[in-house]
C-alpha atoms as a PDB file:
ATOM      1  CA  MET A   1    -102.474  -7.550-184.307  1.00  0.00           C
ATOM      2  CA  ARG A   2    -102.673  -4.481-186.095  1.00  0.00           C
ATOM      3  CA  ASN A   3    -104.246  -1.969-183.943  1.00  0.00           C
ATOM      4  CA  ARG A   4    -103.119   1.569-184.034  1.00  0.00           C
ATOM      5  CA  GLY A   5    -102.858   4.179-186.026  1.00  0.00           C
ATOM      6  CA  SER A   6     -98.971   4.596-187.379  1.00  0.00           C
ATOM      7  CA  ASN A   7     -99.424   8.737-187.325  1.00  0.00           C
ATOM      8  CA  GLU A   8    -100.024   8.555-183.638  1.00  0.00           C
ATOM      9  CA  PRO A   9     -96.765   7.521-181.919  1.00  0.00           C
ATOM     10  CA  ALA A  10     -98.119   8.782-178.459  1.00  0.00           C
ATOM     11  CA  TYR A  11    -101.655   6.488-178.707  1.00  0.00           C
ATOM     12  CA  GLU A  12     -99.128   3.654-179.929  1.00  0.00           C
ATOM     13  CA  SER A  13     -96.893   3.461-177.076  1.00  0.00           C
ATOM     14  CA  ARG A  14     -99.835   3.095-174.881  1.00  0.00           C
ATOM     15  CA  LEU A  15    -101.269   0.126-176.940  1.00  0.00           C
ATOM     16  CA  ALA A  16     -98.049  -1.284-177.369  1.00  0.00           C
ATOM     17  CA  GLY A  17     -98.711  -3.396-173.671  1.00  0.00           C
ATOM     18  CA  MET A  18    -102.485  -4.183-174.619  1.00  0.00           C
ATOM     19  CA  ARG A  19    -101.427  -6.664-177.740  1.00  0.00           C
ATOM     20  CA  VAL A  20    -102.622 -10.187-177.692  1.00  0.00           C
ATOM     21  CA  SER A  21     -99.912 -13.046-177.529  1.00  0.00           C
ATOM     22  CA  PRO A  22     -99.673 -14.722-180.452  1.00  0.00           C
ATOM     23  CA  ASP A  23    -100.119 -17.931-178.406  1.00  0.00           C
ATOM     24  CA  ALA A  24    -103.644 -16.499-177.439  1.00  0.00           C
ATOM     25  CA  ARG A  25    -104.427 -15.917-181.272  1.00  0.00           C
ATOM     26  CA  ARG A  26    -103.866 -19.279-181.791  1.00  0.00           C
ATOM     27  CA  ALA A  27    -105.564 -20.778-178.921  1.00  0.00           C
ATOM     28  CA  ASN A  28    -108.561 -18.647-179.879  1.00  0.00           C
ATOM     29  CA  ALA A  29    -108.422 -19.477-183.454  1.00  0.00           C
ATOM     30  CA  GLY A  30    -109.164 -23.038-182.570  1.00  0.00           C
ATOM     31  CA  ALA A  31    -111.756 -22.267-179.807  1.00  0.00           C
ATOM     32  CA  GLN A  32    -113.723 -20.142-182.696  1.00  0.00           C
ATOM     33  CA  ARG A  33    -114.091 -23.521-185.329  1.00  0.00           C
ATOM     34  CA  VAL A  34    -118.178 -23.699-184.813  1.00  0.00           C
ATOM     35  CA  CYS A  35    -120.745 -25.256-186.791  1.00  0.00           C
ATOM     36  CA  ALA A  36    -123.304 -23.092-189.088  1.00  0.00           C
ATOM     37  CA  GLY A  37    -126.160 -23.876-191.676  1.00  0.00           C
ATOM     38  CA  ARG A  38    -124.892 -22.784-195.413  1.00  0.00           C
ATOM     39  CA  CYS A  39    -128.590 -21.203-196.578  1.00  0.00           C
ATOM     40  CA  GLY A  40    -128.987 -17.497-196.040  1.00  0.00           C
ATOM     41  CA  ILE A  41    -130.090 -14.592-197.340  1.00  0.00           C
ATOM     42  CA  TRP A  42    -127.485 -12.651-198.823  1.00  0.00           C
ATOM     43  CA  ALA A  43    -127.780  -8.916-200.823  1.00  0.00           C
ATOM     44  CA  LEU A  44    -125.934  -8.609-203.340  1.00  0.00           C
ATOM     45  CA  VAL A  45    -124.848  -5.044-204.205  1.00  0.00           C
ATOM     46  CA  MET A  46    -124.803  -3.769-207.466  1.00  0.00           C
ATOM     47  CA  ARG A  47    -123.583  -0.923-208.376  1.00  0.00           C
ATOM     48  CA  GLY A  48    -121.938   1.027-211.490  1.00  0.00           C
ATOM     49  CA  LEU A  49    -118.357   3.014-211.740  1.00  0.00           C
ATOM     50  CA  MET A  50    -119.244   6.192-209.979  1.00  0.00           C
ATOM     51  CA  GLY A  51    -122.888   5.691-210.014  1.00  0.00           C
ATOM     52  CA  SER A  52    -125.374   5.541-207.400  1.00  0.00           C
ATOM     53  CA  VAL A  53    -127.640   2.904-208.299  1.00  0.00           C
ATOM     54  CA  MET A  54    -128.674  -0.123-205.362  1.00  0.00           C
ATOM     55  CA  SER A  55    -130.202  -3.625-206.181  1.00  0.00           C
ATOM     56  CA  VAL A  56    -130.604  -5.989-203.817  1.00  0.00           C
ATOM     57  CA  VAL A  57    -131.638  -9.139-204.832  1.00  0.00           C
ATOM     58  CA  ALA A  58    -132.188 -12.229-202.012  1.00  0.00           C
ATOM     59  CA  ALA A  59    -130.469 -15.529-202.808  1.00  0.00           C
ATOM     60  CA  CYS A  60    -130.255 -18.329-200.502  1.00  0.00           C
ATOM     61  CA  GLY A  61    -128.235 -21.904-200.787  1.00  0.00           C
ATOM     62  CA  SER A  62    -124.398 -20.350-200.677  1.00  0.00           C
ATOM     63  CA  THR A  63    -122.285 -19.674-198.332  1.00  0.00           C
ATOM     64  CA  ASP A  64    -120.119 -17.503-201.221  1.00  0.00           C
ATOM     65  CA  GLY A  65    -120.938 -14.160-203.178  1.00  0.00           C
ATOM     66  CA  PRO A  66    -119.649 -11.284-200.935  1.00  0.00           C
ATOM     67  CA  LEU A  67    -121.684  -8.266-201.352  1.00  0.00           C
ATOM     68  CA  LEU A  68    -119.242  -6.550-203.761  1.00  0.00           C
ATOM     69  CA  ARG A  69    -118.945  -9.313-205.803  1.00  0.00           C
ATOM     70  CA  ALA A  70    -121.290  -7.880-208.449  1.00  0.00           C
ATOM     71  CA  LEU A  71    -118.797  -4.908-209.063  1.00  0.00           C
ATOM     72  CA  SER A  72    -116.691  -5.771-211.929  1.00  0.00           C
ATOM     73  CA  ALA A  73    -112.649  -5.997-211.819  1.00  0.00           C
ATOM     74  CA  GLY A  74    -113.066  -3.271-214.831  1.00  0.00           C
ATOM     75  CA  ASP A  75    -115.135  -0.568-212.811  1.00  0.00           C
ATOM     76  CA  ALA A  76    -112.831  -1.336-210.170  1.00  0.00           C
ATOM     77  CA  ALA A  77    -109.314  -0.772-212.440  1.00  0.00           C
ATOM     78  CA  ALA A  78    -110.816   2.194-213.948  1.00  0.00           C
ATOM     79  CA  GLY A  79    -111.742   4.297-211.005  1.00  0.00           C
ATOM     80  CA  ASP A  80    -108.258   3.234-210.005  1.00  0.00           C
ATOM     81  CA  ALA A  81    -106.537   4.734-212.551  1.00  0.00           C
ATOM     82  CA  LEU A  82    -109.039   8.016-212.165  1.00  0.00           C
ATOM     83  CA  ALA A  83    -107.691   7.805-208.648  1.00  0.00           C
ATOM     84  CA  GLN A  84    -103.807   7.690-209.359  1.00  0.00           C
ATOM     85  CA  ALA A  85    -103.930  10.155-212.307  1.00  0.00           C
ATOM     86  CA  GLY A  86    -104.888  12.448-209.632  1.00  0.00           C
ATOM     87  CA  ALA A  87    -108.669  13.198-210.379  1.00  0.00           C
ATOM     88  CA  GLU A  88    -111.240  13.707-207.718  1.00  0.00           C
ATOM     89  CA  PRO A  89    -113.462  11.157-207.752  1.00  0.00           C
ATOM     90  CA  SER A  90    -117.607  12.138-207.175  1.00  0.00           C
ATOM     91  CA  PRO A  91    -118.717  11.687-203.501  1.00  0.00           C
ATOM     92  CA  SER A  92    -120.300   8.459-203.562  1.00  0.00           C
ATOM     93  CA  GLY A  93    -121.180   7.823-200.077  1.00  0.00           C
ATOM     94  CA  ASP A  94    -124.881   6.219-200.453  1.00  0.00           C
ATOM     95  CA  SER A  95    -123.596   4.085-203.201  1.00  0.00           C
ATOM     96  CA  MET A  96    -120.593   2.467-201.144  1.00  0.00           C
ATOM     97  CA  LEU A  97    -121.371  -0.736-199.125  1.00  0.00           C
ATOM     98  CA  ILE A  98    -119.748   0.509-196.214  1.00  0.00           C
ATOM     99  CA  ARG A  99    -121.623   3.913-195.739  1.00  0.00           C
ATOM    100  CA  PRO A 100    -121.800   6.893-193.099  1.00  0.00           C
ATOM    101  CA  GLY A 101    -123.704   6.805-189.933  1.00  0.00           C
ATOM    102  CA  MET A 102    -123.550   2.317-189.893  1.00  0.00           C
ATOM    103  CA  ARG A 103    -122.275   0.681-187.049  1.00  0.00           C
ATOM    104  CA  LEU A 104    -119.163  -1.375-186.218  1.00  0.00           C
ATOM    105  CA  HIS A 105    -117.986  -4.060-184.376  1.00  0.00           C
ATOM    106  CA  TYR A 106    -114.323  -4.831-184.098  1.00  0.00           C
ATOM    107  CA  GLN A 107    -113.117  -7.972-182.805  1.00  0.00           C
ATOM    108  CA  LEU A 108    -110.200  -9.839-182.923  1.00  0.00           C
ATOM    109  CA  THR A 109    -110.114 -12.227-180.396  1.00  0.00           C
ATOM    110  CA  GLY A 110    -113.257 -14.844-178.646  1.00  0.00           C
ATOM    111  CA  GLU A 111    -115.767 -16.055-180.525  1.00  0.00           C
ATOM    112  CA  PRO A 112    -117.263 -13.256-182.881  1.00  0.00           C
ATOM    113  CA  SER A 113    -120.292 -12.344-181.594  1.00  0.00           C
ATOM    114  CA  VAL A 114    -123.339 -12.522-183.780  1.00  0.00           C
ATOM    115  CA  ASP A 115    -125.788 -11.091-181.755  1.00  0.00           C
ATOM    116  CA  ALA A 116    -123.890  -7.800-181.839  1.00  0.00           C
ATOM    117  CA  ALA A 117    -126.164  -4.558-182.757  1.00  0.00           C
ATOM    118  CA  ALA A 118    -124.126  -3.457-186.231  1.00  0.00           C
ATOM    119  CA  GLN A 119    -123.786  -3.187-189.827  1.00  0.00           C
ATOM    120  CA  VAL A 120    -119.953  -3.963-190.211  1.00  0.00           C
ATOM    121  CA  PHE A 121    -118.443  -6.565-188.509  1.00  0.00           C
ATOM    122  CA  VAL A 122    -114.401  -6.784-188.383  1.00  0.00           C
ATOM    123  CA  ILE A 123    -112.775 -10.232-188.038  1.00  0.00           C
ATOM    124  CA  ASP A 124    -109.448 -12.078-188.174  1.00  0.00           C
ATOM    125  CA  LEU A 125    -108.372 -13.334-191.811  1.00  0.00           C
ATOM    126  CA  PHE A 126    -107.117 -16.960-190.399  1.00  0.00           C
ATOM    127  CA  ASP A 127    -108.872 -17.096-187.176  1.00  0.00           C
ATOM    128  CA  ALA A 128    -112.777 -17.046-189.227  1.00  0.00           C
ATOM    129  CA  GLU A 129    -113.886 -20.419-190.587  1.00  0.00           C
ATOM    130  CA  PRO A 130    -116.267 -19.766-193.355  1.00  0.00           C
ATOM    131  CA  ALA A 131    -119.203 -21.128-191.747  1.00  0.00           C
ATOM    132  CA  GLN A 132    -118.841 -18.650-189.217  1.00  0.00           C
ATOM    133  CA  VAL A 133    -118.229 -15.740-192.050  1.00  0.00           C
ATOM    134  CA  ALA A 134    -121.780 -17.592-193.078  1.00  0.00           C
ATOM    135  CA  THR A 135    -123.284 -17.334-189.666  1.00  0.00           C
ATOM    136  CA  LEU A 136    -122.323 -14.292-189.002  1.00  0.00           C
ATOM    137  CA  ARG A 137    -123.414 -12.555-192.083  1.00  0.00           C
ATOM    138  CA  ALA A 138    -126.719 -14.493-192.404  1.00  0.00           C
ATOM    139  CA  GLY A 139    -127.847 -14.449-188.856  1.00  0.00           C
ATOM    140  CA  ALA A 140    -130.632 -12.127-187.454  1.00  0.00           C
ATOM    141  CA  ALA A 141    -129.724  -9.408-189.976  1.00  0.00           C
ATOM    142  CA  ALA A 142    -129.065 -10.725-193.087  1.00  0.00           C
ATOM    143  CA  GLY A 143    -126.663  -8.845-195.528  1.00  0.00           C
ATOM    144  CA  ARG A 144    -124.737  -7.833-192.414  1.00  0.00           C
ATOM    145  CA  ILE A 145    -121.016  -6.971-193.877  1.00  0.00           C
ATOM    146  CA  ALA A 146    -117.814  -9.145-192.658  1.00  0.00           C
ATOM    147  CA  ILE A 147    -114.554  -7.652-193.130  1.00  0.00           C
ATOM    148  CA  ALA A 148    -111.015  -9.522-192.631  1.00  0.00           C
ATOM    149  CA  TYR A 149    -108.357  -7.839-190.662  1.00  0.00           C
ATOM    150  CA  LEU A 150    -104.916  -8.785-192.046  1.00  0.00           C
ATOM    151  CA  SER A 151    -101.026  -7.413-191.491  1.00  0.00           C
ATOM    152  CA  ALA A 152    -100.337  -6.626-195.026  1.00  0.00           C
ATOM    153  CA  GLY A 153     -96.667  -4.843-194.131  1.00  0.00           C
ATOM    154  CA  SER A 154     -95.238  -6.986-191.195  1.00  0.00           C
ATOM    155  CA  PHE A 155     -94.167 -10.404-190.563  1.00  0.00           C
ATOM    156  CA  GLU A 156     -96.516 -11.975-188.136  1.00  0.00           C
ATOM    157  CA  PRO A 157     -94.047 -15.416-187.115  1.00  0.00           C
ATOM    158  CA  TRP A 158     -97.574 -17.356-186.167  1.00  0.00           C
ATOM    159  CA  ARG A 159     -99.439 -17.081-189.143  1.00  0.00           C
ATOM    160  CA  PRO A 160     -99.449 -20.091-191.700  1.00  0.00           C
ATOM    161  CA  ASP A 161     -98.315 -18.622-195.111  1.00  0.00           C
ATOM    162  CA  ILE A 162     -94.892 -17.378-193.157  1.00  0.00           C
ATOM    163  CA  ALA A 163     -93.027 -19.906-195.300  1.00  0.00           C
ATOM    164  CA  GLN A 164     -93.866 -18.087-198.282  1.00  0.00           C
ATOM    165  CA  PHE A 165     -91.428 -15.229-197.429  1.00  0.00           C
ATOM    166  CA  PRO A 166     -88.476 -15.443-198.473  1.00  0.00           C
ATOM    167  CA  ASP A 167     -85.325 -14.106-195.871  1.00  0.00           C
ATOM    168  CA  SER A 168     -84.818 -11.341-198.362  1.00  0.00           C
ATOM    169  CA  VAL A 169     -87.973  -9.204-198.166  1.00  0.00           C
ATOM    170  CA  VAL A 170     -88.363  -9.391-194.087  1.00  0.00           C
ATOM    171  CA  GLY A 171     -86.319  -6.484-192.179  1.00  0.00           C
ATOM    172  CA  THR A 172     -86.331  -5.144-188.604  1.00  0.00           C
ATOM    173  CA  ARG A 173     -88.008  -5.507-185.770  1.00  0.00           C
ATOM    174  CA  LEU A 174     -91.645  -2.838-184.951  1.00  0.00           C
ATOM    175  CA  GLY A 175     -90.548  -0.694-181.954  1.00  0.00           C
ATOM    176  CA  ALA A 176     -94.379  -1.182-180.311  1.00  0.00           C
ATOM    177  CA  TYR A 177     -94.567  -4.820-181.809  1.00  0.00           C
ATOM    178  CA  PRO A 178     -91.191  -6.880-180.798  1.00  0.00           C
ATOM    179  CA  ASP A 179     -92.663 -10.266-182.225  1.00  0.00           C
ATOM    180  CA  GLU A 180     -93.497  -9.138-185.902  1.00  0.00           C
ATOM    181  CA  LYS A 181     -90.832  -7.484-188.431  1.00  0.00           C
ATOM    182  CA  TRP A 182     -91.794  -4.942-191.304  1.00  0.00           C
ATOM    183  CA  LEU A 183     -91.824  -6.289-194.892  1.00  0.00           C
ATOM    184  CA  ASP A 184     -90.601  -4.864-198.132  1.00  0.00           C
ATOM    185  CA  VAL A 185     -93.526  -3.567-199.984  1.00  0.00           C
ATOM    186  CA  ARG A 186     -92.188  -3.105-202.771  1.00  0.00           C
ATOM    187  CA  ALA A 187     -90.975  -7.404-203.630  1.00  0.00           C
ATOM    188  CA  GLN A 188     -93.337  -9.026-205.694  1.00  0.00           C
ATOM    189  CA  ALA A 189     -92.819 -12.065-202.958  1.00  0.00           C
ATOM    190  CA  VAL A 190     -94.427  -9.971-200.675  1.00  0.00           C
ATOM    191  CA  ARG A 191     -97.041  -8.871-203.450  1.00  0.00           C
ATOM    192  CA  ASP A 192     -97.790 -12.513-203.898  1.00  0.00           C
ATOM    193  CA  VAL A 193     -98.848 -13.413-200.569  1.00  0.00           C
ATOM    194  CA  MET A 194    -100.641 -10.525-200.469  1.00  0.00           C
ATOM    195  CA  GLN A 195    -102.412 -11.481-203.230  1.00  0.00           C
ATOM    196  CA  ALA A 196    -102.750 -14.933-201.843  1.00  0.00           C
ATOM    197  CA  ARG A 197    -104.005 -13.737-199.054  1.00  0.00           C
ATOM    198  CA  LEU A 198    -106.993 -11.523-200.516  1.00  0.00           C
ATOM    199  CA  ARG A 199    -108.287 -14.576-202.549  1.00  0.00           C
ATOM    200  CA  LEU A 200    -108.641 -16.302-199.008  1.00  0.00           C
ATOM    201  CA  ALA A 201    -110.214 -13.569-197.750  1.00  0.00           C
ATOM    202  CA  ARG A 202    -112.658 -14.011-200.934  1.00  0.00           C
ATOM    203  CA  ASP A 203    -112.503 -17.588-200.505  1.00  0.00           C
ATOM    204  CA  LYS A 204    -113.911 -17.667-197.070  1.00  0.00           C
ATOM    205  CA  GLY A 205    -116.899 -14.758-197.778  1.00  0.00           C
ATOM    206  CA  PHE A 206    -115.581 -11.757-196.639  1.00  0.00           C
ATOM    207  CA  ASP A 207    -117.475  -8.551-198.154  1.00  0.00           C
ATOM    208  CA  GLY A 208    -114.162  -6.758-198.032  1.00  0.00           C
ATOM    209  CA  VAL A 209    -110.956  -6.275-195.985  1.00  0.00           C
ATOM    210  CA  LEU A 210    -108.908  -4.417-193.799  1.00  0.00           C
ATOM    211  CA  PRO A 211    -104.594  -4.390-194.448  1.00  0.00           C
ATOM    212  CA  GLY A 212    -103.028  -2.857-191.643  1.00  0.00           C
ATOM    213  CA  ALA A 213     -99.217  -2.119-190.896  1.00  0.00           C
ATOM    214  CA  LEU A 214     -99.206   0.130-193.917  1.00  0.00           C
ATOM    215  CA  GLY A 215     -96.376   2.689-192.838  1.00  0.00           C
ATOM    216  CA  ALA A 216     -92.787   1.015-192.861  1.00  0.00           C
ATOM    217  CA  TYR A 217     -91.437   4.265-195.441  1.00  0.00           C
ATOM    218  CA  ARG A 218     -91.722   6.269-191.746  1.00  0.00           C
ATOM    219  CA  SER A 219     -90.257   3.749-189.844  1.00  0.00           C
ATOM    220  CA  ASP A 220     -86.590   2.137-189.968  1.00  0.00           C
ATOM    221  CA  SER A 221     -87.865  -0.931-191.852  1.00  0.00           C
ATOM    222  CA  GLY A 222     -84.592  -2.089-192.727  1.00  0.00           C
ATOM    223  CA  PHE A 223     -85.196  -1.646-196.778  1.00  0.00           C
ATOM    224  CA  PRO A 224     -84.728   2.645-198.241  1.00  0.00           C
ATOM    225  CA  LEU A 225     -88.381   2.616-198.726  1.00  0.00           C
ATOM    226  CA  THR A 226     -90.252   5.945-199.687  1.00  0.00           C
ATOM    227  CA  GLN A 227     -93.779   7.706-199.473  1.00  0.00           C
ATOM    228  CA  ALA A 228     -93.922   7.027-203.260  1.00  0.00           C
ATOM    229  CA  ASP A 229     -93.101   3.268-202.611  1.00  0.00           C
ATOM    230  CA  GLN A 230     -95.884   3.402-200.160  1.00  0.00           C
ATOM    231  CA  LEU A 231     -98.397   4.477-202.120  1.00  0.00           C
ATOM    232  CA  ASP A 232     -97.737   2.362-205.050  1.00  0.00           C
ATOM    233  CA  TYR A 233     -98.333  -0.851-202.839  1.00  0.00           C
ATOM    234  CA  ASP A 234    -101.447   0.838-200.769  1.00  0.00           C
ATOM    235  CA  ARG A 235    -102.917   1.075-204.148  1.00  0.00           C
ATOM    236  CA  PHE A 236    -102.014  -2.469-205.479  1.00  0.00           C
ATOM    237  CA  LEU A 237    -104.229  -3.339-202.161  1.00  0.00           C
ATOM    238  CA  SER A 238    -106.458  -1.306-203.473  1.00  0.00           C
ATOM    239  CA  SER A 239    -106.756  -2.783-206.782  1.00  0.00           C
ATOM    240  CA  GLU A 240    -106.218  -6.268-205.985  1.00  0.00           C
ATOM    241  CA  ALA A 241    -108.848  -6.193-203.508  1.00  0.00           C
ATOM    242  CA  ARG A 242    -111.678  -4.515-206.004  1.00  0.00           C
ATOM    243  CA  ALA A 243    -110.799  -6.824-208.705  1.00  0.00           C
ATOM    244  CA  LEU A 244    -111.676  -9.914-206.472  1.00  0.00           C
ATOM    245  CA  GLY A 245    -115.006  -8.175-205.661  1.00  0.00           C
ATOM    246  CA  LEU A 246    -113.936  -6.550-201.692  1.00  0.00           C
ATOM    247  CA  SER A 247    -114.093  -3.392-200.564  1.00  0.00           C
ATOM    248  CA  PRO A 248    -110.648  -2.238-199.206  1.00  0.00           C
ATOM    249  CA  GLY A 249    -110.510  -0.180-195.837  1.00  0.00           C
ATOM    250  CA  LEU A 250    -107.811   2.563-194.839  1.00  0.00           C
ATOM    251  CA  SER A 251    -105.882   2.033-191.093  1.00  0.00           C
ATOM    252  CA  GLY A 252    -103.275   3.782-190.185  1.00  0.00           C
ATOM    253  CA  ASP A 253    -100.854   5.798-192.170  1.00  0.00           C
ATOM    254  CA  PHE A 254    -103.509   8.585-192.710  1.00  0.00           C
ATOM    255  CA  LEU A 255    -100.733  10.803-193.408  1.00  0.00           C
ATOM    256  CA  LEU A 256    -101.417   9.803-197.205  1.00  0.00           C
ATOM    257  CA  ALA A 257    -105.199   9.879-196.875  1.00  0.00           C
ATOM    258  CA  ARG A 258    -105.834  12.463-199.395  1.00  0.00           C
ATOM    259  CA  GLU A 259    -103.629  10.655-202.164  1.00  0.00           C
ATOM    260  CA  LEU A 260    -105.162   7.546-200.625  1.00  0.00           C
ATOM    261  CA  ALA A 261    -109.238   8.444-200.405  1.00  0.00           C
ATOM    262  CA  GLY A 262    -110.009   7.312-203.771  1.00  0.00           C
ATOM    263  CA  ALA A 263    -108.254   4.099-203.394  1.00  0.00           C
ATOM    264  CA  PHE A 264    -109.928   2.928-200.273  1.00  0.00           C
ATOM    265  CA  ASP A 265    -113.888   2.672-199.585  1.00  0.00           C
ATOM    266  CA  TRP A 266    -113.769   3.473-195.903  1.00  0.00           C
ATOM    267  CA  ALA A 267    -111.479   3.743-192.831  1.00  0.00           C
ATOM    268  CA  ILE A 268    -110.428   2.754-189.153  1.00  0.00           C
ATOM    269  CA  ALA A 269    -108.455   4.553-187.502  1.00  0.00           C
ATOM    270  CA  PHE A 270    -107.166   4.260-183.879  1.00  0.00           C
ATOM    271  CA  GLY A 271    -107.390   6.493-180.669  1.00  0.00           C
ATOM    272  CA  CYS A 272    -107.278   9.608-183.130  1.00  0.00           C
ATOM    273  CA  LEU A 273    -109.505  11.544-180.812  1.00  0.00           C
ATOM    274  CA  ALA A 274    -106.945  10.418-177.793  1.00  0.00           C
ATOM    275  CA  ALA A 275    -104.325  11.787-179.876  1.00  0.00           C
ATOM    276  CA  ASP A 276    -106.007  14.637-181.722  1.00  0.00           C
ATOM    277  CA  SER A 277    -105.131  13.383-185.190  1.00  0.00           C
ATOM    278  CA  CYS A 278    -108.561  13.155-186.665  1.00  0.00           C
ATOM    279  CA  GLY A 279    -107.883  15.646-188.823  1.00  0.00           C
ATOM    280  CA  ALA A 280    -105.717  13.601-190.775  1.00  0.00           C
ATOM    281  CA  LEU A 281    -108.863  11.204-191.912  1.00  0.00           C
ATOM    282  CA  GLN A 282    -111.162  14.736-193.116  1.00  0.00           C
ATOM    283  CA  PRO A 283    -110.224  13.531-197.574  1.00  0.00           C
ATOM    284  CA  LEU A 284    -112.445  10.267-196.865  1.00  0.00           C
ATOM    285  CA  VAL A 285    -115.201  12.425-194.762  1.00  0.00           C
ATOM    286  CA  GLU A 286    -114.906  15.139-197.524  1.00  0.00           C
ATOM    287  CA  GLN A 287    -115.919  11.974-200.118  1.00  0.00           C
ATOM    288  CA  HIS A 288    -118.658  11.084-198.140  1.00  0.00           C
ATOM    289  CA  LYS A 289    -117.119   7.575-196.759  1.00  0.00           C
ATOM    290  CA  ALA A 290    -117.583   5.982-193.578  1.00  0.00           C
ATOM    291  CA  VAL A 291    -114.726   6.648-190.884  1.00  0.00           C
ATOM    292  CA  PHE A 292    -114.557   4.420-187.601  1.00  0.00           C
ATOM    293  CA  ASN A 293    -112.867   5.649-184.545  1.00  0.00           C
ATOM    294  CA  LEU A 294    -111.985   2.514-182.082  1.00  0.00           C
ATOM    295  CA  GLU A 295    -111.165   4.411-178.263  1.00  0.00           C
ATOM    296  CA  VAL A 296    -109.811   2.460-175.456  1.00  0.00           C
ATOM    297  CA  ASP A 297    -110.683   4.432-172.876  1.00  0.00           C
ATOM    298  CA  GLY A 298    -112.412   7.243-171.924  1.00  0.00           C
ATOM    299  CA  ASP A 299    -116.127   9.136-171.525  1.00  0.00           C
ATOM    300  CA  LEU A 300    -118.084   7.816-174.000  1.00  0.00           C
ATOM    301  CA  ASN A 301    -120.596  10.573-173.581  1.00  0.00           C
ATOM    302  CA  GLU A 302    -117.503  13.605-174.645  1.00  0.00           C
ATOM    303  CA  LEU A 303    -116.289  11.151-176.773  1.00  0.00           C
ATOM    304  CA  CYS A 304    -119.116  11.376-178.911  1.00  0.00           C
ATOM    305  CA  ALA A 305    -119.205  14.454-178.443  1.00  0.00           C
ATOM    306  CA  ARG A 306    -116.177  15.168-180.043  1.00  0.00           C
ATOM    307  CA  ALA A 307    -116.817  12.966-182.669  1.00  0.00           C
ATOM    308  CA  GLU A 308    -119.565  14.401-184.427  1.00  0.00           C
ATOM    309  CA  PRO A 309    -118.902  17.493-185.558  1.00  0.00           C
ATOM    310  CA  LEU A 310    -115.575  15.440-187.291  1.00  0.00           C
ATOM    311  CA  GLY A 311    -117.558  13.478-189.199  1.00  0.00           C
ATOM    312  CA  ILE A 312    -116.261  10.199-187.302  1.00  0.00           C
ATOM    313  CA  THR A 313    -117.938   6.996-186.443  1.00  0.00           C
ATOM    314  CA  THR A 314    -116.123   6.374-182.261  1.00  0.00           C
ATOM    315  CA  ILE A 315    -116.738   3.084-180.606  1.00  0.00           C
ATOM    316  CA  LEU A 316    -115.206   2.758-177.430  1.00  0.00           C
ATOM    317  CA  LYS A 317    -113.357  -0.799-177.008  1.00  0.00           C
ATOM    318  CA  ARG A 318    -111.343  -2.983-174.030  1.00  0.00           C
ATOM    319  CA  PRO A 319    -107.549  -2.768-175.135  1.00  0.00           C
ATOM    320  CA  THR A 320    -108.284  -6.858-176.107  1.00  0.00           C
ATOM    321  CA  PHE A 321    -109.853  -6.079-178.676  1.00  0.00           C
ATOM    322  CA  ASP A 322    -112.381  -8.420-177.651  1.00  0.00           C
ATOM    323  CA  ALA A 323    -116.515  -8.670-178.039  1.00  0.00           C
ATOM    324  CA  TRP A 324    -117.313  -5.929-175.919  1.00  0.00           C
ATOM    325  CA  SER A 325    -118.397  -2.211-177.232  1.00  0.00           C
ATOM    326  CA  ARG A 326    -119.699   0.689-176.549  1.00  0.00           C
ATOM    327  CA  SER A 327    -121.169   3.243-179.178  1.00  0.00           C
ATOM    328  CA  CYS A 328    -122.645   6.292-179.937  1.00  0.00           C
ATOM    329  CA  PRO A 329    -126.067   7.246-179.631  1.00  0.00           C
END
């Protein structure tokens, strides 16, 4: 489970002992297989490149069709080309699928809480069943947004697709997560696996993805990775996600937030108030994009008072990232 911002070393050392074990996650995956009906009300959000027009259409009878699938691959590729060329995109928070002010429910353990008072739900890509995603999105508040968490930069030995990684792309162990190893994000084999994972997210009915572990270039990864390598990989993930109709979220490496603000639609930080590092998120806030921050301890009222002037939505969670959550009013 990738649950920290890699630019927050003091905070990540505190989270190192809070990680959910692979055995617990495998047991959790089995416990989560529940039945759900296929019929629901789907909101299909259509928007043009850099535009602000939103059309909502109701339909019933399918568990497919994430909210962003109406965004064409051509428009997405054009938007990424602008971002990579250094063009500053127009503020488009109101036309984004995930918008500032929305409530987030982030849960990586236990059966997903479909009754949570939130519009955006982040759950694990591999643990979730398509029927669960359908139930989540077609529940009491139809049109809720389902986001798939996946580790895009580390080798997690309990994942079902690990045989697709050749030994040559698996590097050194992560200091705070010794059961994981860094991946060579330059390698085509790594990108092939991530493309397959993104397709899996689409096929399960997710609306977006949250790739984690995007800070190998600043670590002793076992590979001579540079900042340029990381930027290229992060933009690759964003472009591939958008081409599949998935909304990409940025997590972890906010030292590159200014360069990546145009490539990602929203962001989740971990403990930026505790680490006094929320300022790194301002490039996304300035573009009117939703920025969430998860804290694992502290007084909620105090946390909310500190986060509000920064334009960041803060949520208080348990370290295990289960269903329990407290949000600012």
